[in-house]
Amino acid sequence: MRITNKIMRNNSLYNINQNKILEDKLSSQMTNQSKITRPSDDPVVAIRALRLRTNVTTVSQYYDKNAPDADQWITLTGDALDQVDDVLTDLYKQAADASKKSLKSEDLEIILTQMEALTDEFYACGNVDYAGRYVFSGYRTDTPITFTAEDIKDFTKDPANLKTFEIEESMGYEDFSAISYTDWSNIDDELQVTNTTMYRVRLSYNDVNEVAGGDGATYSFTVKQGNNASTTVNAIQYTDAETAYKAISDGNCEIAYIPSTGEIVFSEAYYQNTNNISEDTKITVSYSKSNWVEGDINPVHYFKCSSDGITYNADGLDQDIFYDVGFNQNIQVNTQAREVFTHSAKRDMDDFDIYLKQLQDIETKITDIEEKMAGVAEDSTDYEKFQKNLDAANKAYTYIRENIQTKFENQITKYQSYIDDTNVAITNNGTRGSRLELISDRLMNQKATFKDLQSSNEDVDVSELAVQLKSSELTYEASLMATSKIMQTNLMNYI
C-alpha cells in the first residue's frame, strides 16, 4: 500500500489533535479539580457522583439543620422544665411553712400572696416560645397555653357575644377529694356549730356558665361504672357555694353543682355508697364557659371542646411533634402542656382563698365578741350570752383552722406530685436530648464518610494530574517536531 504525503499529513494532524484534546482534558481537570465535566466523560463516575451528592445533601440537611433545630427545641424545653421544677419546689416550701398551726390569718395571707405569684410564674413558664413557636402547645404552636391580655380584649369587644367554649371533661375516682364545711351560721349555740365532710370533683375552671333556671335547676352529667352502661345523674344547681355546702350539710341535697366555683359536690352518704361511686367510676361532664380572664388556661390544649363552630381535639389529644433527624429516624421534640401544667395548681389557690376568707371571718367574729364582752359585767346575762357565742365561735375557729391545716398538709403532697410529674417530663426530655446527641454524632461521621467518598470519586489527584499534564505537553511538542521533520521530505527529494 502506498502512503502518500497527504495521508501522512492527515494522520499527523489527527494525532496532534488527539494529543491536544488530551492536554485540554487534563488542563480542564486541573482547573476545576474534577475528573469529569459532563456525564459522558465517565458515566460510571457520573452515576456514582449523583448518588453520593444526594447522600451528602440529605445528611447535611439532617446534621446542619434538622438536628440543631431539634436540639434547640429540646434544650429550650429542658430549661423551661427546670424553671418549673424550681417554682414548684418554692411552692412546696411555702406550703410547708404555711402548715404550721400557730400562724394567724395575716401570716397565711402573706404566704398565699407569694404562692399566687409563684403559681402565675408556673403557668408563665408554659408560654415559652422558640422562634415564635410555643413549645408546649402541641400542633398549635401559634397559640400560648394561657389566654393573654390581648386575647381577653378580643373576647370582650362585644359583651353580647362573649367568646364561649363548650367543654367536655372526663374525670375518674382519683379526681374525688374530701372537703370539710364548717357551719357556724347559728353562733348562739355551740352544739349547732358543725363540721361536715363531703366529697367533690372539681372542674378545671371556676366561674363557668350556669344552666338555665338559676338556683334549683337541674344539671346533668354522665357516670359510668366499669363496663356497665353510662347513666345520667342529676345535680341541683346552686349559684352560691355556701348555700350548696349548707344544703348538703343539712341533708337537703345529695349532689350539688356550683358554677361559680366549678364544683360538683356529693354528700358523704352518697359517696360512700359503692353503687354510686367506686374505684372504676368515670364521670363525663359537659359545660360552657364565657367569662375568661388573663392567665386562664386555653381549653384547646386539654379537652375536646368547640367554639364558634370549630371543634378541637375531636381525634384525641396526642400532638407529638417529630423531627426527621436521620435516614428513617425521627425523634419527638415536644412536651405537651397537659403533661406538666395541670389546672389543679391554679384551682388549689381558689380553695385557699375560700379557706382564708372563712378564717378571717371567724377571727373577726371572735374579736367582735371579745370586745363586746369587755364592755359588760362578768356576772350579767349579756356576758353569759357572749360567752356562749365565744365558745361557739372558738369551736368554729378550731374546725376552720383544722381544715386549713389539713388543706396545707395535703397541698404539700400535691406539690410533690406536681414535682414528680415535672421530673418525669425532664427525664423524658433529657432522654430525647441524649438520643439526639448520639444521632448527631453518627450523622457527623456519615457526613464525613460520604464527603470522603464523594471526593475520592470526583476529585483528581493533583500531583498525578500535574505529571500527566506535563507528559501530555511534552508529547504534544514532540509530535509537532516529528511531524515537521517528516513533512519536510517528499517524493521529489528522490527524483
Protein backbone atom coordinates (compact mmCIF):
# COMPACT_ATOMS: atom_id res chain seq x y z
CA MET A 1 0.00 0.00 0.00
CA ARG A 2 1.43 3.35 -0.98
CA ILE A 3 1.48 6.01 1.76
CA THR A 4 1.21 9.44 0.28
CA ASN A 5 2.23 12.72 1.83
CA LYS A 6 -1.42 13.62 2.15
CA ILE A 7 -2.12 10.50 4.17
CA MET A 8 0.88 11.21 6.40
CA ARG A 9 -0.23 14.83 6.85
CA ASN A 10 -3.77 13.86 7.72
CA ASN A 11 -2.65 11.19 10.17
CA SER A 12 -0.17 13.57 11.76
CA LEU A 13 -2.79 16.29 12.15
CA TYR A 14 -5.23 13.78 13.64
CA ASN A 15 -2.66 12.53 16.15
CA ILE A 16 -1.58 16.07 17.00
CA ASN A 17 -5.23 16.98 17.59
CA GLN A 18 -5.72 13.95 19.81
CA ASN A 19 -2.70 15.00 21.87
CA LYS A 20 -4.20 18.47 22.09
CA ILE A 21 -7.57 17.05 23.19
CA LEU A 22 -5.85 15.04 25.92
CA GLU A 23 -3.90 18.08 27.03
CA ASP A 24 -7.12 20.14 27.10
CA LYS A 25 -8.88 17.46 29.12
CA LEU A 26 -6.06 17.30 31.64
CA SER A 27 -5.89 21.08 31.79
CA SER A 28 -9.67 21.27 32.44
CA GLN A 29 -9.38 18.67 35.20
CA MET A 30 -6.55 20.63 36.77
CA THR A 31 -8.61 23.81 36.62
CA ASN A 32 -11.88 22.53 38.11
CA GLN A 33 -10.30 19.79 40.26
CA SER A 34 -12.85 17.29 38.99
CA LYS A 35 -12.45 14.13 37.00
CA ILE A 36 -15.42 14.87 34.74
CA THR A 37 -17.11 17.97 33.39
CA ARG A 38 -20.01 16.15 31.76
CA PRO A 39 -21.58 12.72 32.34
CA SER A 40 -20.25 11.41 29.03
CA ASP A 41 -16.70 11.88 30.28
CA ASP A 42 -17.13 8.87 32.56
CA PRO A 43 -20.71 7.52 33.06
CA VAL A 44 -19.72 5.30 35.99
CA VAL A 45 -18.17 8.21 37.89
CA ALA A 46 -21.17 10.38 36.98
CA ILE A 47 -23.73 7.90 38.31
CA ARG A 48 -21.76 7.35 41.49
CA ALA A 49 -21.35 11.13 41.88
CA LEU A 50 -25.12 11.70 41.69
CA ARG A 51 -25.76 9.11 44.38
CA LEU A 52 -23.05 10.40 46.67
CA ARG A 53 -24.13 14.02 46.22
CA THR A 54 -27.70 13.04 47.14
CA ASN A 55 -26.40 11.32 50.27
CA VAL A 56 -24.23 14.29 51.22
CA THR A 57 -27.13 16.73 50.68
CA THR A 58 -29.51 14.60 52.74
CA VAL A 59 -27.05 14.09 55.59
CA SER A 60 -26.19 17.80 55.53
CA GLN A 61 -29.90 18.62 55.87
CA TYR A 62 -30.19 16.27 58.85
CA TYR A 63 -26.91 17.26 60.50
CA ASP A 64 -26.72 21.00 59.75
CA LYS A 65 -30.41 21.94 60.01
CA ASN A 66 -32.85 19.35 61.38
CA ALA A 67 -30.72 18.08 64.26
CA PRO A 68 -29.68 21.58 65.51
CA ASP A 69 -33.30 22.76 65.27
CA ALA A 70 -34.48 19.73 67.26
CA ASP A 71 -31.67 20.23 69.76
CA GLN A 72 -32.61 23.87 70.33
CA TRP A 73 -36.26 22.90 70.84
CA ILE A 74 -35.31 20.19 73.34
CA THR A 75 -32.83 22.46 75.11
CA LEU A 76 -35.37 25.28 75.44
CA THR A 77 -37.96 22.82 76.74
CA GLY A 78 -35.46 21.46 79.26
CA ASP A 79 -34.62 24.97 80.52
CA ALA A 80 -38.32 25.76 80.94
CA LEU A 81 -38.95 22.49 82.79
CA ASP A 82 -36.01 23.18 85.10
CA GLN A 83 -37.55 26.54 85.89
CA VAL A 84 -40.92 24.88 86.52
CA ASP A 85 -39.23 22.48 88.92
CA ASP A 86 -37.69 25.41 90.80
CA VAL A 87 -41.06 27.18 91.02
CA LEU A 88 -42.84 24.07 92.28
CA THR A 89 -40.08 23.48 94.82
CA ASP A 90 -40.63 27.02 96.14
CA LEU A 91 -44.38 26.37 96.30
CA TYR A 92 -43.69 23.16 98.20
CA LYS A 93 -41.60 25.09 100.74
CA GLN A 94 -44.26 27.78 101.09
CA ALA A 95 -46.94 25.14 101.71
CA ALA A 96 -44.70 23.50 104.32
CA ASP A 97 -44.24 26.86 106.07
CA ALA A 98 -47.99 27.55 105.95
CA SER A 99 -48.78 24.18 107.51
CA LYS A 100 -47.66 25.48 110.91
CA LYS A 101 -50.75 25.66 113.04
CA SER A 102 -49.55 28.67 115.02
CA LEU A 103 -49.89 31.02 112.01
CA LYS A 104 -52.66 33.58 112.02
CA SER A 105 -54.73 34.68 109.06
CA GLU A 106 -52.45 37.68 108.36
CA ASP A 107 -49.44 35.35 108.23
CA LEU A 108 -51.24 32.96 105.90
CA GLU A 109 -52.32 35.86 103.71
CA ILE A 110 -48.69 36.86 103.15
CA ILE A 111 -47.74 33.28 102.29
CA LEU A 112 -50.69 32.86 99.95
CA THR A 113 -49.79 36.10 98.15
CA GLN A 114 -46.35 34.64 97.48
CA MET A 115 -47.87 31.33 96.42
CA GLU A 116 -50.22 33.06 93.98
CA ALA A 117 -47.26 34.90 92.41
CA LEU A 118 -45.36 31.63 92.09
CA THR A 119 -48.42 29.95 90.57
CA ASP A 120 -48.63 32.69 87.94
CA GLU A 121 -44.94 32.12 87.19
CA PHE A 122 -45.63 28.38 86.93
CA TYR A 123 -48.02 28.95 84.04
CA ALA A 124 -45.85 31.69 82.54
CA CYS A 125 -43.15 29.04 82.09
CA GLY A 126 -45.57 27.18 79.85
CA ASN A 127 -45.74 30.09 77.42
CA VAL A 128 -42.06 29.93 76.48
CA ASP A 129 -41.57 30.09 72.73
CA TYR A 130 -38.88 29.13 70.23
CA ALA A 131 -38.63 31.38 67.17
CA GLY A 132 -42.28 32.35 67.57
CA ARG A 133 -43.48 28.80 68.22
CA TYR A 134 -44.81 27.91 71.66
CA VAL A 135 -43.02 24.73 72.69
CA PHE A 136 -45.71 23.25 74.97
CA SER A 137 -48.70 23.86 72.68
CA GLY A 138 -48.59 20.68 70.61
CA TYR A 139 -49.50 21.25 66.96
CA ARG A 140 -50.92 24.70 67.79
CA THR A 141 -47.51 26.30 68.07
CA ASP A 142 -49.00 29.73 67.39
CA THR A 143 -51.21 29.56 70.50
CA PRO A 144 -49.90 30.03 74.08
CA ILE A 145 -51.27 27.70 76.74
CA THR A 146 -52.90 30.58 78.65
CA PHE A 147 -55.03 33.44 77.44
CA THR A 148 -53.16 36.72 77.16
CA ALA A 149 -54.40 40.25 77.84
CA GLU A 150 -54.84 40.73 74.08
CA ASP A 151 -56.98 37.60 73.89
CA ILE A 152 -59.25 38.88 76.64
CA LYS A 153 -59.63 42.24 74.88
CA ASP A 154 -60.70 40.40 71.73
CA PHE A 155 -63.13 38.23 73.71
CA THR A 156 -64.83 41.19 75.38
CA LYS A 157 -65.14 43.53 72.39
CA ASP A 158 -68.80 42.62 72.12
CA PRO A 159 -70.24 41.92 75.61
CA ALA A 160 -73.34 40.47 73.99
CA ASN A 161 -71.29 37.88 72.14
CA LEU A 162 -68.56 36.70 74.50
CA LYS A 163 -66.10 34.00 73.49
CA THR A 164 -67.80 30.80 74.63
CA PHE A 165 -66.21 27.36 74.75
CA GLU A 166 -68.30 24.21 75.04
CA ILE A 167 -66.07 21.83 77.01
CA GLU A 168 -66.26 18.09 77.57
CA GLU A 169 -64.21 16.91 80.54
CA SER A 170 -63.70 13.42 81.91
CA MET A 171 -62.76 12.56 85.49
CA GLY A 172 -62.22 9.38 87.47
CA TYR A 173 -62.31 8.09 91.01
CA GLU A 174 -58.84 9.55 91.66
CA ASP A 175 -60.22 13.04 90.99
CA PHE A 176 -62.55 12.91 94.01
CA SER A 177 -61.34 14.74 97.09
CA ALA A 178 -62.73 15.22 100.58
CA ILE A 179 -63.59 18.72 101.76
CA SER A 180 -64.85 19.96 105.10
CA TYR A 181 -67.54 22.54 105.62
CA THR A 182 -67.95 24.31 108.96
CA ASP A 183 -71.44 25.62 109.60
CA TRP A 184 -71.37 28.41 112.20
CA SER A 185 -74.46 30.24 110.99
CA ASN A 186 -76.00 29.70 114.45
CA ILE A 187 -73.40 31.20 116.76
CA ASP A 188 -75.78 31.21 119.75
CA ASP A 189 -75.37 27.51 120.41
CA GLU A 190 -72.06 25.68 120.42
CA LEU A 191 -73.88 22.43 119.60
CA GLN A 192 -75.17 23.98 116.38
CA VAL A 193 -71.63 24.54 115.10
CA THR A 194 -70.88 21.52 112.94
CA ASN A 195 -68.14 20.33 110.63
CA THR A 196 -69.33 18.15 107.75
CA THR A 197 -67.21 16.07 105.41
CA MET A 198 -68.32 15.92 101.80
CA TYR A 199 -66.71 14.89 98.54
CA ARG A 200 -66.32 16.66 95.27
CA VAL A 201 -64.93 16.55 91.77
CA ARG A 202 -63.61 19.86 90.62
CA LEU A 203 -63.92 21.15 87.08
CA SER A 204 -60.81 22.59 85.53
CA TYR A 205 -62.34 26.08 85.61
CA ASN A 206 -64.33 28.18 88.02
CA ASP A 207 -66.93 30.78 87.05
CA VAL A 208 -68.44 28.53 84.38
CA ASN A 209 -71.82 29.26 82.83
CA GLU A 210 -74.95 28.31 84.75
CA VAL A 211 -77.57 26.02 83.31
CA ALA A 212 -80.87 27.71 82.60
CA GLY A 213 -83.10 28.17 85.61
CA GLY A 214 -80.69 29.50 88.22
CA ASP A 215 -80.81 28.11 91.77
CA GLY A 216 -82.59 24.77 91.94
CA ALA A 217 -82.15 23.99 88.26
CA THR A 218 -81.04 20.51 87.28
CA TYR A 219 -77.53 19.92 85.97
CA SER A 220 -76.98 16.51 84.38
CA PHE A 221 -73.75 14.62 83.85
CA THR A 222 -72.78 11.07 82.88
CA VAL A 223 -71.44 8.40 85.23
CA LYS A 224 -70.05 5.06 84.10
CA GLN A 225 -69.20 2.21 86.47
CA GLY A 226 -66.61 -0.11 84.94
CA ASN A 227 -68.04 -1.91 81.92
CA ASN A 228 -71.61 -1.01 82.78
CA ALA A 229 -73.65 1.29 80.61
CA SER A 230 -73.41 5.01 81.27
CA THR A 231 -76.13 6.55 83.39
CA THR A 232 -77.29 10.13 83.72
CA VAL A 233 -77.04 11.67 87.19
CA ASN A 234 -78.73 14.92 88.17
CA ALA A 235 -77.37 17.58 90.49
CA ILE A 236 -79.05 20.64 91.94
CA GLN A 237 -77.52 23.92 90.82
CA TYR A 238 -76.55 26.49 93.44
CA THR A 239 -75.10 29.83 92.42
CA ASP A 240 -73.57 30.28 95.89
CA ALA A 241 -71.10 27.76 97.31
CA GLU A 242 -72.00 28.48 100.93
CA THR A 243 -75.66 27.69 100.22
CA ALA A 244 -74.72 24.47 98.43
CA TYR A 245 -72.46 23.27 101.24
CA LYS A 246 -75.10 24.02 103.84
CA ALA A 247 -77.78 22.22 101.85
CA ILE A 248 -75.63 19.08 101.76
CA SER A 249 -74.65 19.51 105.42
CA ASP A 250 -78.31 19.75 106.42
CA GLY A 251 -79.22 16.70 104.35
CA ASN A 252 -81.36 18.68 101.91
CA CYS A 253 -79.27 17.78 98.89
CA GLU A 254 -77.17 14.79 97.79
CA ILE A 255 -75.40 16.29 94.78
CA ALA A 256 -74.82 20.00 94.20
CA TYR A 257 -73.47 21.75 91.12
CA ILE A 258 -71.77 25.08 91.80
CA PRO A 259 -70.86 27.01 88.60
CA SER A 260 -69.15 29.84 90.47
CA THR A 261 -66.54 27.52 91.99
CA GLY A 262 -66.66 24.86 89.28
CA GLU A 263 -67.52 22.00 91.66
CA ILE A 264 -69.81 19.01 91.77
CA VAL A 265 -70.22 18.17 95.46
CA PHE A 266 -71.52 14.87 96.84
CA SER A 267 -72.81 14.10 100.29
CA GLU A 268 -70.73 11.64 102.31
CA ALA A 269 -73.57 9.11 102.32
CA TYR A 270 -73.88 9.23 98.53
CA TYR A 271 -70.12 8.96 98.04
CA GLN A 272 -69.70 6.03 100.43
CA ASN A 273 -72.35 4.02 98.61
CA THR A 274 -70.34 1.83 96.22
CA ASN A 275 -73.36 1.56 93.94
CA ASN A 276 -72.90 5.26 93.29
CA ILE A 277 -69.13 5.79 93.44
CA SER A 278 -66.43 3.12 93.17
CA GLU A 279 -62.82 2.81 92.09
CA ASP A 280 -63.80 2.26 88.46
CA THR A 281 -66.15 5.23 88.28
CA LYS A 282 -65.76 7.54 85.29
CA ILE A 283 -67.56 10.86 85.14
CA THR A 284 -68.07 12.88 81.97
CA VAL A 285 -69.28 16.45 82.31
CA SER A 286 -70.17 19.00 79.66
CA TYR A 287 -70.26 22.69 80.42
CA SER A 288 -69.68 26.04 78.81
CA LYS A 289 -67.53 28.98 79.86
CA SER A 290 -67.63 32.55 78.60
CA ASN A 291 -66.06 34.54 81.42
CA TRP A 292 -62.36 34.33 80.66
CA VAL A 293 -59.62 36.27 82.40
CA GLU A 294 -55.96 36.73 81.66
CA GLY A 295 -53.99 33.68 82.74
CA ASP A 296 -56.83 31.18 82.24
CA ILE A 297 -55.64 28.02 80.51
CA ASN A 298 -56.79 27.70 76.92
CA PRO A 299 -59.03 24.60 76.78
CA VAL A 300 -57.98 23.74 73.21
CA HIS A 301 -54.76 22.24 74.62
CA TYR A 302 -56.53 19.97 77.11
CA PHE A 303 -60.06 18.99 76.16
CA LYS A 304 -62.40 18.11 73.39
CA CYS A 305 -64.18 21.42 73.01
CA SER A 306 -65.80 23.71 70.48
CA SER A 307 -66.18 27.43 69.90
CA ASP A 308 -67.57 29.50 67.04
CA GLY A 309 -68.44 26.34 65.12
CA ILE A 310 -64.90 24.93 65.36
CA THR A 311 -64.34 21.60 67.15
CA TYR A 312 -60.95 21.00 68.76
CA ASN A 313 -59.32 17.64 69.58
CA ALA A 314 -62.08 15.56 68.04
CA ASP A 315 -59.45 12.96 67.12
CA GLY A 316 -57.73 12.94 70.51
CA LEU A 317 -55.21 14.95 72.46
CA ASP A 318 -51.92 13.35 71.33
CA GLN A 319 -49.98 16.02 69.45
CA ASP A 320 -46.41 14.79 69.49
CA ILE A 321 -44.07 16.67 67.15
CA PHE A 322 -41.34 14.62 65.47
CA TYR A 323 -38.28 15.81 63.58
CA ASP A 324 -36.61 13.72 60.87
CA VAL A 325 -33.01 13.59 62.05
CA GLY A 326 -31.60 10.68 60.06
CA PHE A 327 -32.26 8.04 57.45
CA ASN A 328 -35.57 6.52 58.60
CA GLN A 329 -35.04 8.10 62.02
CA ASN A 330 -37.18 10.67 63.78
CA ILE A 331 -37.30 11.98 67.31
CA GLN A 332 -40.00 13.62 69.40
CA VAL A 333 -39.02 17.13 70.40
CA ASN A 334 -42.03 18.48 72.27
CA THR A 335 -43.51 18.05 75.73
CA GLN A 336 -47.23 18.74 75.80
CA ALA A 337 -48.68 21.21 78.28
CA ARG A 338 -51.02 18.68 79.89
CA GLU A 339 -48.01 16.58 80.96
CA VAL A 340 -46.82 19.31 83.34
CA PHE A 341 -49.11 22.34 83.54
CA THR A 342 -52.10 20.96 85.39
CA HIS A 343 -55.20 23.03 86.03
CA SER A 344 -55.11 21.90 89.65
CA ALA A 345 -52.30 24.27 90.64
CA LYS A 346 -54.47 27.27 89.81
CA ARG A 347 -57.63 25.72 91.24
CA ASP A 348 -55.83 24.95 94.50
CA MET A 349 -55.28 28.65 95.00
CA ASP A 350 -59.04 29.20 94.64
CA ASP A 351 -59.56 26.83 97.57
CA PHE A 352 -57.01 28.66 99.70
CA ASP A 353 -58.74 31.98 99.05
CA ILE A 354 -62.03 30.49 100.27
CA TYR A 355 -60.46 28.94 103.38
CA LEU A 356 -58.58 32.14 104.21
CA LYS A 357 -61.79 34.17 103.90
CA GLN A 358 -63.51 31.78 106.32
CA LEU A 359 -60.64 32.08 108.81
CA GLN A 360 -60.63 35.87 108.58
CA ASP A 361 -64.38 35.98 109.09
CA ILE A 362 -64.29 33.81 112.21
CA GLU A 363 -61.31 35.70 113.63
CA THR A 364 -63.21 38.95 113.09
CA LYS A 365 -66.26 37.45 114.79
CA ILE A 366 -64.22 36.30 117.78
CA THR A 367 -62.61 39.75 118.13
CA ASP A 368 -66.03 41.39 117.91
CA ILE A 369 -67.44 39.12 120.64
CA GLU A 370 -64.43 39.69 122.90
CA GLU A 371 -64.79 43.45 122.52
CA LYS A 372 -68.45 43.24 123.48
CA MET A 373 -67.66 41.05 126.48
CA ALA A 374 -65.15 43.59 127.70
CA GLY A 375 -67.95 46.15 127.99
CA VAL A 376 -70.30 44.12 130.23
CA ALA A 377 -70.08 42.72 133.73
CA GLU A 378 -68.97 39.13 134.06
CA ASP A 379 -71.99 38.21 136.16
CA SER A 380 -74.53 39.70 133.75
CA THR A 381 -76.87 37.86 131.42
CA ASP A 382 -75.28 39.55 128.40
CA TYR A 383 -71.86 38.31 129.44
CA GLU A 384 -73.18 34.78 129.68
CA LYS A 385 -74.72 35.12 126.23
CA PHE A 386 -71.48 36.48 124.81
CA GLN A 387 -69.58 33.64 126.43
CA LYS A 388 -71.78 31.12 124.67
CA ASN A 389 -71.21 32.97 121.43
CA LEU A 390 -67.47 32.96 122.06
CA ASP A 391 -67.41 29.24 122.84
CA ALA A 392 -69.32 28.55 119.63
CA ALA A 393 -67.03 30.86 117.65
CA ASN A 394 -63.91 29.24 119.12
CA LYS A 395 -65.28 25.84 118.19
CA ALA A 396 -65.89 27.07 114.65
CA TYR A 397 -62.39 28.57 114.61
CA THR A 398 -60.92 25.23 115.67
CA TYR A 399 -62.76 23.45 112.86
CA ILE A 400 -61.81 26.02 110.23
CA ARG A 401 -58.20 26.21 111.36
CA GLU A 402 -58.03 22.42 111.32
CA ASN A 403 -59.48 22.42 107.80
CA ILE A 404 -56.82 24.87 106.65
CA GLN A 405 -54.14 22.82 108.37
CA THR A 406 -55.32 19.70 106.58
CA LYS A 407 -55.53 21.58 103.28
CA PHE A 408 -51.91 22.75 103.52
CA GLU A 409 -50.69 19.31 104.56
CA ASN A 410 -52.49 17.78 101.59
CA GLN A 411 -51.11 20.53 99.41
CA ILE A 412 -47.55 19.52 100.30
CA THR A 413 -48.33 16.09 98.88
CA LYS A 414 -49.95 17.60 95.79
CA TYR A 415 -46.98 19.85 95.07
CA GLN A 416 -44.74 16.82 95.44
CA SER A 417 -46.87 15.02 92.83
CA TYR A 418 -46.57 18.04 90.52
CA ILE A 419 -42.79 17.98 91.02
CA ASP A 420 -42.76 14.24 90.27
CA ASP A 421 -44.69 14.83 87.02
CA THR A 422 -42.25 17.59 86.10
CA ASN A 423 -39.26 15.36 86.84
CA VAL A 424 -40.74 12.68 84.60
CA ALA A 425 -41.06 15.27 81.84
CA ILE A 426 -37.48 16.45 82.47
CA THR A 427 -36.24 12.87 82.28
CA ASN A 428 -38.13 12.17 79.06
CA ASN A 429 -36.86 15.40 77.54
CA GLY A 430 -33.31 14.63 78.65
CA THR A 431 -33.55 11.14 77.18
CA ARG A 432 -34.58 12.63 73.83
CA GLY A 433 -31.66 15.04 74.05
CA SER A 434 -29.21 12.22 74.75
CA ARG A 435 -30.55 10.18 71.87
CA LEU A 436 -30.34 13.20 69.59
CA GLU A 437 -26.72 13.71 70.62
CA LEU A 438 -25.91 10.13 69.62
CA ILE A 439 -27.72 10.58 66.33
CA SER A 440 -25.85 13.84 65.68
CA ASP A 441 -22.51 12.13 66.29
CA ARG A 442 -23.48 9.40 63.85
CA LEU A 443 -24.61 11.99 61.30
CA MET A 444 -21.31 13.79 61.65
CA ASN A 445 -19.44 10.56 60.90
CA GLN A 446 -21.76 9.76 58.00
CA LYS A 447 -21.31 13.22 56.55
CA ALA A 448 -17.51 12.92 56.75
CA THR A 449 -17.61 9.45 55.20
CA PHE A 450 -19.84 10.48 52.30
CA LYS A 451 -17.74 13.57 51.65
CA ASP A 452 -14.59 11.41 51.55
CA LEU A 453 -16.29 9.02 49.13
CA GLN A 454 -17.50 11.94 47.04
CA SER A 455 -14.02 13.43 46.97
CA SER A 456 -12.48 10.08 46.09
CA ASN A 457 -14.97 9.61 43.27
CA GLU A 458 -14.92 13.09 41.74
CA ASP A 459 -11.75 14.89 42.77
CA VAL A 460 -8.48 14.45 40.90
CA ASP A 461 -5.07 13.63 42.33
CA VAL A 462 -3.34 16.96 41.70
CA SER A 463 0.23 15.63 41.81
CA GLU A 464 -0.53 12.75 39.49
CA LEU A 465 -2.51 15.03 37.17
CA ALA A 466 0.38 17.51 37.05
CA VAL A 467 2.72 14.75 35.90
CA GLN A 468 0.20 13.62 33.28
CA LEU A 469 -0.30 17.20 32.07
CA LYS A 470 3.44 17.77 31.77
CA SER A 471 3.81 14.48 29.94
CA SER A 472 0.99 15.47 27.62
CA GLU A 473 2.66 18.78 26.90
CA LEU A 474 5.94 17.07 26.07
CA THR A 475 4.12 14.55 23.89
CA TYR A 476 2.34 17.34 22.05
CA GLU A 477 5.55 19.26 21.48
CA ALA A 478 7.33 16.09 20.35
CA SER A 479 4.53 15.31 17.90
CA LEU A 480 4.85 18.77 16.42
CA MET A 481 8.60 18.38 15.99
CA ALA A 482 8.28 14.88 14.49
CA THR A 483 5.59 15.98 12.09
CA SER A 484 7.60 18.96 10.96
CA LYS A 485 10.61 16.71 10.20
CA ILE A 486 8.52 14.21 8.30
CA MET A 487 6.63 16.79 6.31
CA GLN A 488 9.86 18.46 5.13
CA THR A 489 10.69 15.37 2.98
CA ASN A 490 8.56 14.39 -0.04
CA LEU A 491 8.85 12.22 -3.20
CA MET A 492 10.53 14.97 -5.18
CA ASN A 493 13.63 14.70 -2.98
CA TYR A 494 14.31 11.24 -4.53
CA ILE A 495 13.67 12.01 -8.19
